[in-house]
Amino acid sequence: MNNIDELRQYYLKKAPYPFCVFIEEGLFTTDEKAAINKYGYWFEAICRDKVPLTTDKLKRFRSAKERNTSDRNKWEDLWVRYVKAEVPF
């Protein structure tokens, strides 16, 4: 699967992404949890190098954790906050 759109659809079809039950209640809104459930596998794939970074948008998302919060878009910030909030077991 070299086509980014096909890869994206593949990961989106895997939803729902399992929201970490150990994350403190109240850190994420209901809408943010729904977004993690919908896009989590896709976001994770980008960050774990399972998606070729062929666009500036993908490169930007992958490097979001290295930027200040004010420099991130809402999806980048959501995923960075989520990953930081997970319990590392």
N, C-alpha and C. Protein backbone atom coordinates (compact mmCIF):
# COMPACT_ATOMS: atom_id res chain seq x y z
N MET A 1 0.83 -1.20 0.00
CA MET A 1 0.00 0.00 0.00
C MET A 1 0.86 1.25 0.00
N ASN A 2 1.16 1.73 -1.14
CA ASN A 2 1.99 2.93 -1.24
C ASN A 2 1.15 4.20 -1.30
N ASN A 3 -0.09 4.07 -1.66
CA ASN A 3 -0.95 5.23 -1.79
C ASN A 3 -1.38 5.70 -0.40
N ILE A 4 -1.10 6.95 -0.08
CA ILE A 4 -1.40 7.50 1.24
C ILE A 4 -2.90 7.46 1.53
N ASP A 5 -3.72 7.73 0.54
CA ASP A 5 -5.17 7.70 0.76
C ASP A 5 -5.64 6.28 1.12
N GLU A 6 -5.06 5.28 0.48
CA GLU A 6 -5.41 3.90 0.80
C GLU A 6 -4.94 3.54 2.21
N LEU A 7 -3.75 3.98 2.56
CA LEU A 7 -3.25 3.73 3.91
C LEU A 7 -4.14 4.40 4.95
N ARG A 8 -4.52 5.63 4.67
CA ARG A 8 -5.37 6.36 5.60
C ARG A 8 -6.69 5.62 5.80
N GLN A 9 -7.30 5.19 4.71
CA GLN A 9 -8.56 4.46 4.81
C GLN A 9 -8.38 3.14 5.56
N TYR A 10 -7.27 2.47 5.33
CA TYR A 10 -6.98 1.22 6.03
C TYR A 10 -6.98 1.44 7.55
N TYR A 11 -6.27 2.48 7.99
CA TYR A 11 -6.18 2.74 9.43
C TYR A 11 -7.48 3.30 10.00
N LEU A 12 -8.20 4.11 9.25
CA LEU A 12 -9.47 4.63 9.74
C LEU A 12 -10.52 3.53 9.89
N LYS A 13 -10.45 2.52 9.04
CA LYS A 13 -11.41 1.41 9.13
C LYS A 13 -11.16 0.54 10.37
N LYS A 14 -10.00 0.67 10.97
CA LYS A 14 -9.70 -0.11 12.18
C LYS A 14 -10.39 0.47 13.42
N ALA A 15 -10.93 1.66 13.30
CA ALA A 15 -11.57 2.34 14.44
C ALA A 15 -12.68 1.45 15.01
N PRO A 16 -12.94 1.58 16.28
CA PRO A 16 -12.47 2.62 17.20
C PRO A 16 -11.13 2.27 17.84
N TYR A 17 -10.31 3.28 17.97
CA TYR A 17 -9.04 3.17 18.67
C TYR A 17 -9.35 3.08 20.16
N PRO A 18 -8.73 2.16 20.87
CA PRO A 18 -9.04 2.01 22.30
C PRO A 18 -8.46 3.14 23.14
N PHE A 19 -9.32 3.98 23.65
CA PHE A 19 -8.90 5.09 24.50
C PHE A 19 -8.34 4.51 25.79
N CYS A 20 -7.16 4.94 26.18
CA CYS A 20 -6.49 4.42 27.36
C CYS A 20 -7.34 4.65 28.62
N VAL A 21 -7.69 3.57 29.30
CA VAL A 21 -8.55 3.67 30.48
C VAL A 21 -7.82 4.26 31.69
N PHE A 22 -6.52 4.36 31.63
CA PHE A 22 -5.75 4.89 32.75
C PHE A 22 -5.58 6.40 32.70
N ILE A 23 -6.05 7.02 31.64
CA ILE A 23 -5.94 8.48 31.53
C ILE A 23 -6.93 9.11 32.49
N GLU A 24 -6.43 10.10 33.21
CA GLU A 24 -7.25 10.79 34.21
C GLU A 24 -8.52 11.36 33.60
N GLU A 25 -9.63 11.10 34.25
CA GLU A 25 -10.93 11.61 33.79
C GLU A 25 -10.90 13.13 33.75
N GLY A 26 -11.41 13.70 32.72
CA GLY A 26 -11.48 15.15 32.60
C GLY A 26 -10.35 15.77 31.80
N LEU A 27 -9.31 15.01 31.46
CA LEU A 27 -8.22 15.57 30.66
C LEU A 27 -8.65 15.83 29.21
N PHE A 28 -9.63 15.05 28.76
CA PHE A 28 -10.09 15.17 27.38
C PHE A 28 -11.61 15.31 27.37
N THR A 29 -12.09 16.13 26.47
CA THR A 29 -13.52 16.32 26.32
C THR A 29 -14.13 15.10 25.61
N THR A 30 -15.43 15.03 25.60
CA THR A 30 -16.12 13.96 24.89
C THR A 30 -15.78 14.00 23.40
N ASP A 31 -15.72 15.19 22.83
CA ASP A 31 -15.37 15.33 21.41
C ASP A 31 -13.93 14.90 21.14
N GLU A 32 -13.03 15.22 22.05
CA GLU A 32 -11.64 14.81 21.87
C GLU A 32 -11.50 13.29 21.96
N LYS A 33 -12.23 12.68 22.89
CA LYS A 33 -12.20 11.22 23.00
C LYS A 33 -12.75 10.58 21.72
N ALA A 34 -13.81 11.15 21.18
CA ALA A 34 -14.39 10.64 19.94
C ALA A 34 -13.38 10.76 18.79
N ALA A 35 -12.64 11.84 18.75
CA ALA A 35 -11.62 12.03 17.71
C ALA A 35 -10.49 11.01 17.85
N ILE A 36 -10.08 10.73 19.07
CA ILE A 36 -9.05 9.71 19.31
C ILE A 36 -9.58 8.35 18.85
N ASN A 37 -10.82 8.04 19.21
CA ASN A 37 -11.42 6.77 18.78
C ASN A 37 -11.44 6.66 17.25
N LYS A 38 -11.73 7.75 16.58
CA LYS A 38 -11.84 7.74 15.12
C LYS A 38 -10.49 7.75 14.42
N TYR A 39 -9.59 8.59 14.87
CA TYR A 39 -8.32 8.82 14.15
C TYR A 39 -7.10 8.20 14.82
N GLY A 40 -7.25 7.60 15.97
CA GLY A 40 -6.10 7.12 16.74
C GLY A 40 -5.17 6.18 15.99
N TYR A 41 -5.72 5.21 15.28
CA TYR A 41 -4.86 4.27 14.54
C TYR A 41 -4.08 4.99 13.45
N TRP A 42 -4.72 5.96 12.81
CA TRP A 42 -4.05 6.74 11.76
C TRP A 42 -2.94 7.59 12.36
N PHE A 43 -3.25 8.29 13.44
CA PHE A 43 -2.24 9.12 14.09
C PHE A 43 -1.06 8.28 14.56
N GLU A 44 -1.37 7.15 15.17
CA GLU A 44 -0.33 6.26 15.67
C GLU A 44 0.55 5.74 14.53
N ALA A 45 -0.07 5.38 13.41
CA ALA A 45 0.68 4.89 12.26
C ALA A 45 1.66 5.94 11.74
N ILE A 46 1.21 7.19 11.69
CA ILE A 46 2.10 8.27 11.24
C ILE A 46 3.29 8.40 12.19
N CYS A 47 3.02 8.37 13.47
CA CYS A 47 4.08 8.60 14.46
C CYS A 47 5.01 7.40 14.65
N ARG A 48 4.55 6.23 14.25
CA ARG A 48 5.38 5.02 14.38
C ARG A 48 5.99 4.62 13.04
N ASP A 49 6.07 5.56 12.12
CA ASP A 49 6.73 5.35 10.83
C ASP A 49 6.12 4.23 9.99
N LYS A 50 4.82 4.03 10.10
CA LYS A 50 4.13 3.04 9.28
C LYS A 50 3.54 3.69 8.03
N VAL A 51 3.67 5.01 7.96
CA VAL A 51 3.16 5.77 6.83
C VAL A 51 4.33 6.58 6.27
N PRO A 52 4.59 6.45 4.97
CA PRO A 52 5.66 7.26 4.39
C PRO A 52 5.32 8.74 4.46
N LEU A 53 6.25 9.52 4.91
CA LEU A 53 6.03 10.95 5.08
C LEU A 53 6.26 11.67 3.75
N THR A 54 5.28 11.52 2.88
CA THR A 54 5.41 12.04 1.52
C THR A 54 4.85 13.44 1.34
N THR A 55 4.19 13.97 2.37
CA THR A 55 3.63 15.32 2.27
C THR A 55 4.12 16.16 3.44
N ASP A 56 4.06 17.46 3.25
CA ASP A 56 4.43 18.36 4.34
C ASP A 56 3.51 18.19 5.53
N LYS A 57 2.23 17.93 5.27
CA LYS A 57 1.25 17.75 6.33
C LYS A 57 1.61 16.54 7.20
N LEU A 58 2.00 15.43 6.57
CA LEU A 58 2.40 14.24 7.33
C LEU A 58 3.69 14.49 8.11
N LYS A 59 4.63 15.16 7.47
CA LYS A 59 5.89 15.48 8.15
C LYS A 59 5.64 16.38 9.35
N ARG A 60 4.78 17.34 9.16
CA ARG A 60 4.44 18.27 10.25
C ARG A 60 3.79 17.52 11.41
N PHE A 61 2.84 16.62 11.11
CA PHE A 61 2.17 15.86 12.16
C PHE A 61 3.19 15.01 12.92
N ARG A 62 4.06 14.35 12.18
CA ARG A 62 5.07 13.47 12.80
C ARG A 62 5.98 14.24 13.74
N SER A 63 6.28 15.48 13.44
CA SER A 63 7.21 16.26 14.26
C SER A 63 6.50 17.16 15.27
N ALA A 64 5.20 17.00 15.44
CA ALA A 64 4.42 17.89 16.31
C ALA A 64 4.93 17.91 17.74
N LYS A 65 5.37 16.77 18.24
CA LYS A 65 5.81 16.71 19.64
C LYS A 65 7.06 17.56 19.89
N GLU A 66 7.75 17.91 18.83
CA GLU A 66 8.98 18.69 18.95
C GLU A 66 8.72 20.20 18.91
N ARG A 67 7.45 20.57 18.67
CA ARG A 67 7.11 21.99 18.57
C ARG A 67 6.33 22.45 19.79
N ASN A 68 6.31 23.75 20.00
CA ASN A 68 5.51 24.34 21.08
C ASN A 68 4.03 24.13 20.81
N THR A 69 3.27 24.09 21.88
CA THR A 69 1.83 23.90 21.77
C THR A 69 1.20 24.92 20.83
N SER A 70 1.62 26.16 20.92
CA SER A 70 1.03 27.22 20.10
C SER A 70 1.32 27.05 18.61
N ASP A 71 2.31 26.23 18.27
CA ASP A 71 2.67 26.00 16.87
C ASP A 71 1.99 24.76 16.28
N ARG A 72 1.21 24.05 17.09
CA ARG A 72 0.54 22.83 16.63
C ARG A 72 -0.90 23.13 16.21
N ASN A 73 -1.39 22.37 15.23
CA ASN A 73 -2.81 22.49 14.93
C ASN A 73 -3.59 21.63 15.92
N LYS A 74 -4.93 21.66 15.86
CA LYS A 74 -5.71 20.98 16.90
C LYS A 74 -5.50 19.47 16.89
N TRP A 75 -5.29 18.85 15.72
CA TRP A 75 -5.10 17.41 15.66
C TRP A 75 -3.73 17.02 16.19
N GLU A 76 -2.73 17.79 15.83
CA GLU A 76 -1.38 17.54 16.34
C GLU A 76 -1.35 17.68 17.85
N ASP A 77 -1.96 18.74 18.35
CA ASP A 77 -1.96 18.97 19.79
C ASP A 77 -2.73 17.88 20.52
N LEU A 78 -3.85 17.46 19.97
CA LEU A 78 -4.64 16.41 20.60
C LEU A 78 -3.82 15.13 20.73
N TRP A 79 -3.15 14.73 19.66
CA TRP A 79 -2.40 13.47 19.70
C TRP A 79 -1.19 13.57 20.64
N VAL A 80 -0.50 14.69 20.63
CA VAL A 80 0.64 14.87 21.53
C VAL A 80 0.17 14.80 22.98
N ARG A 81 -0.92 15.47 23.29
CA ARG A 81 -1.46 15.44 24.66
C ARG A 81 -1.89 14.03 25.04
N TYR A 82 -2.50 13.33 24.10
CA TYR A 82 -2.95 11.96 24.37
C TYR A 82 -1.76 11.04 24.68
N VAL A 83 -0.78 11.08 23.84
CA VAL A 83 0.39 10.21 24.03
C VAL A 83 1.09 10.52 25.35
N LYS A 84 1.19 11.79 25.70
CA LYS A 84 1.80 12.17 26.97
C LYS A 84 0.96 11.70 28.17
N ALA A 85 -0.34 11.62 28.00
CA ALA A 85 -1.22 11.24 29.10
C ALA A 85 -1.31 9.73 29.31
N GLU A 86 -0.96 8.96 28.29
CA GLU A 86 -1.03 7.50 28.42
C GLU A 86 -0.09 7.00 29.52
N VAL A 87 -0.50 5.94 30.16
CA VAL A 87 0.35 5.30 31.16
C VAL A 87 1.28 4.34 30.39
N PRO A 88 2.58 4.50 30.54
CA PRO A 88 3.54 3.69 29.75
C PRO A 88 3.78 2.29 30.33
N PHE A 89 2.86 1.38 30.11
CA PHE A 89 3.04 -0.01 30.57
C PHE A 89 3.64 -0.83 29.47
